[in-house]
Structure formats: structure tokens, C-alpha cells
């Protein structure tokens, strides 16, 4: 197994998925409030949803 190394900015909040040796940054909810749900299949992340909330 080949080991790959990368770097991310720890000064920036974010959610990252590592799948098959590649890193993917998951976008934040557009309004800044909401949730991210990641679905897994066969031990790997396969898809997700981003829900936006409105803060009053």
C-alpha cells in the first residue's frame, strides 16, 4: 500500500472525506447553519446531503 501525505489548513473550519486515497472537502451549508449527513456503503463514504437551516 502506497502512503500518500497531504496537508490541510487547520485555520479553516471544514469537513473532509478521504476515499480511495483522495481527499474531498465537503461544502458548508450556504447560510452557515445546517447539517451534513454522510452515507456509507461497504465501508466507504458513498454520498451525502447538506441541509440548510435558517436562524431567527
PDB file of N, CA and C in Angstrom:
ATOM      1  N   UNK A   1       0.848  -1.185   0.000  1.00  0.00           N
ATOM      2  CA  UNK A   1       0.000   0.000   0.000  1.00  0.00           C
ATOM      3  C   UNK A   1       0.887   1.239   0.000  1.00  0.00           C
ATOM      4  N   UNK A   2       0.639   2.106  -0.949  1.00  0.00           N
ATOM      5  CA  UNK A   2       1.383   3.353  -1.051  1.00  0.00           C
ATOM      6  C   UNK A   2       0.820   4.361  -0.055  1.00  0.00           C
ATOM      7  N   UNK A   3       1.701   5.011   0.678  1.00  0.00           N
ATOM      8  CA  UNK A   3       1.282   6.025   1.644  1.00  0.00           C
ATOM      9  C   UNK A   3       1.389   7.391   0.982  1.00  0.00           C
ATOM     10  N   UNK A   4       0.298   8.134   1.011  1.00  0.00           N
ATOM     11  CA  UNK A   4       0.266   9.483   0.463  1.00  0.00           C
ATOM     12  C   UNK A   4       0.107  10.458   1.615  1.00  0.00           C
ATOM     13  N   UNK A   5       0.761  11.583   1.506  1.00  0.00           N
ATOM     14  CA  UNK A   5       0.676  12.616   2.539  1.00  0.00           C
ATOM     15  C   UNK A   5       0.239  13.912   1.877  1.00  0.00           C
ATOM     16  N   UNK A   6      -0.683  14.604   2.533  1.00  0.00           N
ATOM     17  CA  UNK A   6      -1.136  15.906   2.054  1.00  0.00           C
ATOM     18  C   UNK A   6      -1.280  16.824   3.258  1.00  0.00           C
ATOM     19  N   UNK A   7      -1.577  18.063   3.025  1.00  0.00           N
ATOM     20  CA  UNK A   7      -1.772  18.982   4.139  1.00  0.00           C
ATOM     21  C   UNK A   7      -3.074  19.745   3.935  1.00  0.00           C
ATOM     22  N   UNK A   8      -3.683  20.129   5.040  1.00  0.00           N
ATOM     23  CA  UNK A   8      -4.892  20.945   5.009  1.00  0.00           C
ATOM     24  C   UNK A   8      -4.684  22.129   5.935  1.00  0.00           C
ATOM     25  N   UNK A   9      -5.433  23.182   5.706  1.00  0.00           N
ATOM     26  CA  UNK A   9      -5.347  24.394   6.513  1.00  0.00           C
ATOM     27  C   UNK A   9      -6.152  24.186   7.793  1.00  0.00           C
ATOM     28  N   UNK A  10      -5.483  24.046   8.916  1.00  0.00           N
ATOM     29  CA  UNK A  10      -6.173  23.849  10.187  1.00  0.00           C
ATOM     30  C   UNK A  10      -6.781  25.136  10.736  1.00  0.00           C
ATOM     31  N   UNK A  11      -6.511  26.254  10.093  1.00  0.00           N
ATOM     32  CA  UNK A  11      -7.108  27.521  10.492  1.00  0.00           C
ATOM     33  C   UNK A  11      -8.462  27.752   9.849  1.00  0.00           C
ATOM     34  N   UNK A  12      -8.880  26.835   8.977  1.00  0.00           N
ATOM     35  CA  UNK A  12     -10.149  26.957   8.271  1.00  0.00           C
ATOM     36  C   UNK A  12     -11.053  25.798   8.669  1.00  0.00           C
ATOM     37  N   UNK A  13     -12.243  26.110   9.188  1.00  0.00           N
ATOM     38  CA  UNK A  13     -13.184  25.063   9.565  1.00  0.00           C
ATOM     39  C   UNK A  13     -13.660  24.327   8.326  1.00  0.00           C
ATOM     40  N   UNK A  14     -13.838  23.024   8.432  1.00  0.00           N
ATOM     41  CA  UNK A  14     -14.310  22.260   7.288  1.00  0.00           C
ATOM     42  C   UNK A  14     -14.490  20.794   7.610  1.00  0.00           C
ATOM     43  N   UNK A  15     -15.153  20.104   6.704  1.00  0.00           N
ATOM     44  CA  UNK A  15     -15.344  18.669   6.794  1.00  0.00           C
ATOM     45  C   UNK A  15     -14.656  18.043   5.591  1.00  0.00           C
ATOM     46  N   UNK A  16     -13.884  17.000   5.844  1.00  0.00           N
ATOM     47  CA  UNK A  16     -13.148  16.339   4.774  1.00  0.00           C
ATOM     48  C   UNK A  16     -13.468  14.853   4.763  1.00  0.00           C
ATOM     49  N   UNK A  17     -13.527  14.269   3.577  1.00  0.00           N
ATOM     50  CA  UNK A  17     -13.720  12.838   3.390  1.00  0.00           C
ATOM     51  C   UNK A  17     -12.477  12.317   2.669  1.00  0.00           C
ATOM     52  N   UNK A  18     -11.958  11.208   3.136  1.00  0.00           N
ATOM     53  CA  UNK A  18     -10.876  10.530   2.434  1.00  0.00           C
ATOM     54  C   UNK A  18     -11.461   9.242   1.879  1.00  0.00           C
ATOM     55  N   UNK A  19     -11.423   9.106   0.553  1.00  0.00           N
ATOM     56  CA  UNK A  19     -11.973   7.921  -0.098  1.00  0.00           C
ATOM     57  C   UNK A  19     -11.018   7.485  -1.201  1.00  0.00           C
ATOM     58  N   UNK A  20     -10.614   6.240  -1.136  1.00  0.00           N
ATOM     59  CA  UNK A  20      -9.720   5.664  -2.146  1.00  0.00           C
ATOM     60  C   UNK A  20      -8.456   6.502  -2.350  1.00  0.00           C
ATOM     61  N   UNK A  21      -7.901   7.005  -1.259  1.00  0.00           N
ATOM     62  CA  UNK A  21      -6.644   7.749  -1.325  1.00  0.00           C
ATOM     63  C   UNK A  21      -6.766   9.189  -1.761  1.00  0.00           C
ATOM     64  N   UNK A  22      -7.992   9.679  -1.918  1.00  0.00           N
ATOM     65  CA  UNK A  22      -8.192  11.065  -2.335  1.00  0.00           C
ATOM     66  C   UNK A  22      -8.962  11.804  -1.252  1.00  0.00           C
ATOM     67  N   UNK A  23      -8.625  13.073  -1.052  1.00  0.00           N
ATOM     68  CA  UNK A  23      -9.295  13.887  -0.045  1.00  0.00           C
ATOM     69  C   UNK A  23     -10.273  14.826  -0.743  1.00  0.00           C
ATOM     70  N   UNK A  24     -11.466  14.943  -0.165  1.00  0.00           N
ATOM     71  CA  UNK A  24     -12.513  15.784  -0.728  1.00  0.00           C
ATOM     72  C   UNK A  24     -13.055  16.667   0.375  1.00  0.00           C
ATOM     73  N   UNK A  25     -13.074  17.963   0.139  1.00  0.00           N
ATOM     74  CA  UNK A  25     -13.645  18.899   1.112  1.00  0.00           C
ATOM     75  C   UNK A  25     -15.136  19.010   0.847  1.00  0.00           C
ATOM     76  N   UNK A  26     -15.934  18.782   1.876  1.00  0.00           N
ATOM     77  CA  UNK A  26     -17.386  18.855   1.762  1.00  0.00           C
ATOM     78  C   UNK A  26     -17.804  20.308   1.982  1.00  0.00           C
ATOM     79  N   UNK A  27     -18.613  20.868   1.070  1.00  0.00           N
ATOM     80  CA  UNK A  27     -19.003  22.273   1.238  1.00  0.00           C
ATOM     81  C   UNK A  27     -19.889  22.483   2.468  1.00  0.00           C
ATOM     82  N   UNK A  28     -19.768  23.643   3.058  1.00  0.00           N
ATOM     83  CA  UNK A  28     -20.597  24.022   4.207  1.00  0.00           C
ATOM     84  C   UNK A  28     -21.983  24.421   3.732  1.00  0.00           C
ATOM     85  N   UNK A  29     -22.980  24.372   4.627  1.00  0.00           N
ATOM     86  CA  UNK A  29     -24.308  24.873   4.240  1.00  0.00           C
ATOM     87  C   UNK A  29     -24.197  26.334   3.813  1.00  0.00           C
ATOM     88  N   UNK A  30     -24.875  26.729   2.731  1.00  0.00           N
ATOM     89  CA  UNK A  30     -24.716  28.085   2.181  1.00  0.00           C
ATOM     90  C   UNK A  30     -24.953  29.222   3.178  1.00  0.00           C
ATOM     91  N   UNK A  31     -25.946  29.080   4.065  1.00  0.00           N
ATOM     92  CA  UNK A  31     -26.233  30.156   5.018  1.00  0.00           C
ATOM     93  C   UNK A  31     -25.341  30.086   6.252  1.00  0.00           C
ATOM     94  N   UNK A  32     -24.532  29.036   6.353  1.00  0.00           N
ATOM     95  CA  UNK A  32     -23.671  28.892   7.514  1.00  0.00           C
ATOM     96  C   UNK A  32     -24.298  28.103   8.653  1.00  0.00           C
ATOM     97  N   UNK A  33     -25.572  27.759   8.519  1.00  0.00           N
ATOM     98  CA  UNK A  33     -26.269  26.964   9.530  1.00  0.00           C
ATOM     99  C   UNK A  33     -26.878  25.752   8.846  1.00  0.00           C
ATOM    100  N   UNK A  34     -26.774  24.600   9.463  1.00  0.00           N
ATOM    101  CA  UNK A  34     -27.365  23.403   8.891  1.00  0.00           C
ATOM    102  C   UNK A  34     -26.613  22.164   9.334  1.00  0.00           C
ATOM    103  N   UNK A  35     -26.727  21.114   8.518  1.00  0.00           N
ATOM    104  CA  UNK A  35     -26.029  19.882   8.857  1.00  0.00           C
ATOM    105  C   UNK A  35     -25.619  19.147   7.591  1.00  0.00           C
ATOM    106  N   UNK A  36     -24.620  18.296   7.762  1.00  0.00           N
ATOM    107  CA  UNK A  36     -24.129  17.435   6.694  1.00  0.00           C
ATOM    108  C   UNK A  36     -24.325  15.991   7.147  1.00  0.00           C
ATOM    109  N   UNK A  37     -24.872  15.155   6.282  1.00  0.00           N
ATOM    110  CA  UNK A  37     -25.070  13.743   6.581  1.00  0.00           C
ATOM    111  C   UNK A  37     -24.302  12.943   5.533  1.00  0.00           C
ATOM    112  N   UNK A  38     -23.400  12.087   5.986  1.00  0.00           N
ATOM    113  CA  UNK A  38     -22.597  11.263   5.083  1.00  0.00           C
ATOM    114  C   UNK A  38     -23.106   9.830   5.179  1.00  0.00           C
ATOM    115  N   UNK A  39     -23.406   9.228   4.042  1.00  0.00           N
ATOM    116  CA  UNK A  39     -23.863   7.841   3.983  1.00  0.00           C
ATOM    117  C   UNK A  39     -22.701   6.939   3.574  1.00  0.00           C
ATOM    118  N   UNK A  40     -22.651   5.772   4.186  1.00  0.00           N
ATOM    119  CA  UNK A  40     -21.579   4.814   3.938  1.00  0.00           C
ATOM    120  C   UNK A  40     -22.157   3.542   3.342  1.00  0.00           C
ATOM    121  N   UNK A  41     -21.380   2.920   2.469  1.00  0.00           N
ATOM    122  CA  UNK A  41     -21.760   1.632   1.911  1.00  0.00           C
ATOM    123  C   UNK A  41     -20.488   0.818   1.685  1.00  0.00           C
ATOM    124  N   UNK A  42     -20.464  -0.385   2.189  1.00  0.00           N
ATOM    125  CA  UNK A  42     -19.294  -1.248   2.010  1.00  0.00           C
ATOM    126  C   UNK A  42     -18.040  -0.689   2.659  1.00  0.00           C
ATOM    127  N   UNK A  43     -18.206   0.063   3.756  1.00  0.00           N
ATOM    128  CA  UNK A  43     -17.053   0.616   4.463  1.00  0.00           C
ATOM    129  C   UNK A  43     -16.468   1.865   3.834  1.00  0.00           C
ATOM    130  N   UNK A  44     -17.155   2.445   2.836  1.00  0.00           N
ATOM    131  CA  UNK A  44     -16.673   3.664   2.181  1.00  0.00           C
ATOM    132  C   UNK A  44     -17.789   4.698   2.139  1.00  0.00           C
ATOM    133  N   UNK A  45     -17.425   5.994   2.227  1.00  0.00           N
ATOM    134  CA  UNK A  45     -18.450   7.022   2.066  1.00  0.00           C
ATOM    135  C   UNK A  45     -18.940   6.997   0.619  1.00  0.00           C
ATOM    136  N   UNK A  46     -20.274   6.995   0.427  1.00  0.00           N
ATOM    137  CA  UNK A  46     -20.786   6.890  -0.943  1.00  0.00           C
ATOM    138  C   UNK A  46     -21.552   8.141  -1.391  1.00  0.00           C
ATOM    139  N   UNK A  47     -22.258   8.804  -0.473  1.00  0.00           N
ATOM    140  CA  UNK A  47     -22.948  10.043  -0.829  1.00  0.00           C
ATOM    141  C   UNK A  47     -23.331  10.782   0.442  1.00  0.00           C
ATOM    142  N   UNK A  48     -23.834  11.970   0.268  1.00  0.00           N
ATOM    143  CA  UNK A  48     -24.228  12.767   1.429  1.00  0.00           C
ATOM    144  C   UNK A  48     -25.238  13.822   1.070  1.00  0.00           C
ATOM    145  N   UNK A  49     -25.782  14.419   2.095  1.00  0.00           N
ATOM    146  CA  UNK A  49     -26.716  15.517   1.904  1.00  0.00           C
ATOM    147  C   UNK A  49     -26.290  16.702   2.769  1.00  0.00           C
ATOM    148  N   UNK A  50     -26.603  17.882   2.294  1.00  0.00           N
ATOM    149  CA  UNK A  50     -26.355  19.104   3.055  1.00  0.00           C
ATOM    150  C   UNK A  50     -27.698  19.772   3.248  1.00  0.00           C
ATOM    151  N   UNK A  51     -28.064  19.987   4.513  1.00  0.00           N
ATOM    152  CA  UNK A  51     -29.326  20.648   4.823  1.00  0.00           C
ATOM    153  C   UNK A  51     -29.025  22.027   5.397  1.00  0.00           C
ATOM    154  N   UNK A  52     -29.774  22.991   4.941  1.00  0.00           N
ATOM    155  CA  UNK A  52     -29.586  24.372   5.393  1.00  0.00           C
ATOM    156  C   UNK A  52     -30.671  24.725   6.400  1.00  0.00           C
ATOM    157  N   UNK A  53     -30.293  25.422   7.455  1.00  0.00           N
ATOM    158  CA  UNK A  53     -31.238  25.905   8.457  1.00  0.00           C
ATOM    159  C   UNK A  53     -31.249  27.422   8.425  1.00  0.00           C
ATOM    160  N   UNK A  54     -32.344  27.988   8.894  1.00  0.00           N
ATOM    161  CA  UNK A  54     -32.467  29.431   8.989  1.00  0.00           C
ATOM    162  C   UNK A  54     -32.465  29.804  10.455  1.00  0.00           C
ATOM    163  N   UNK A  55     -31.575  30.697  10.839  1.00  0.00           N
ATOM    164  CA  UNK A  55     -31.501  31.132  12.222  1.00  0.00           C
ATOM    165  C   UNK A  55     -32.300  32.430  12.357  1.00  0.00           C
ATOM    166  N   UNK A  56     -33.225  32.448  13.326  1.00  0.00           N
ATOM    167  CA  UNK A  56     -34.071  33.634  13.554  1.00  0.00           C
ATOM    168  C   UNK A  56     -33.500  34.480  14.651  1.00  0.00           C
TER     169      UNK A  56
END
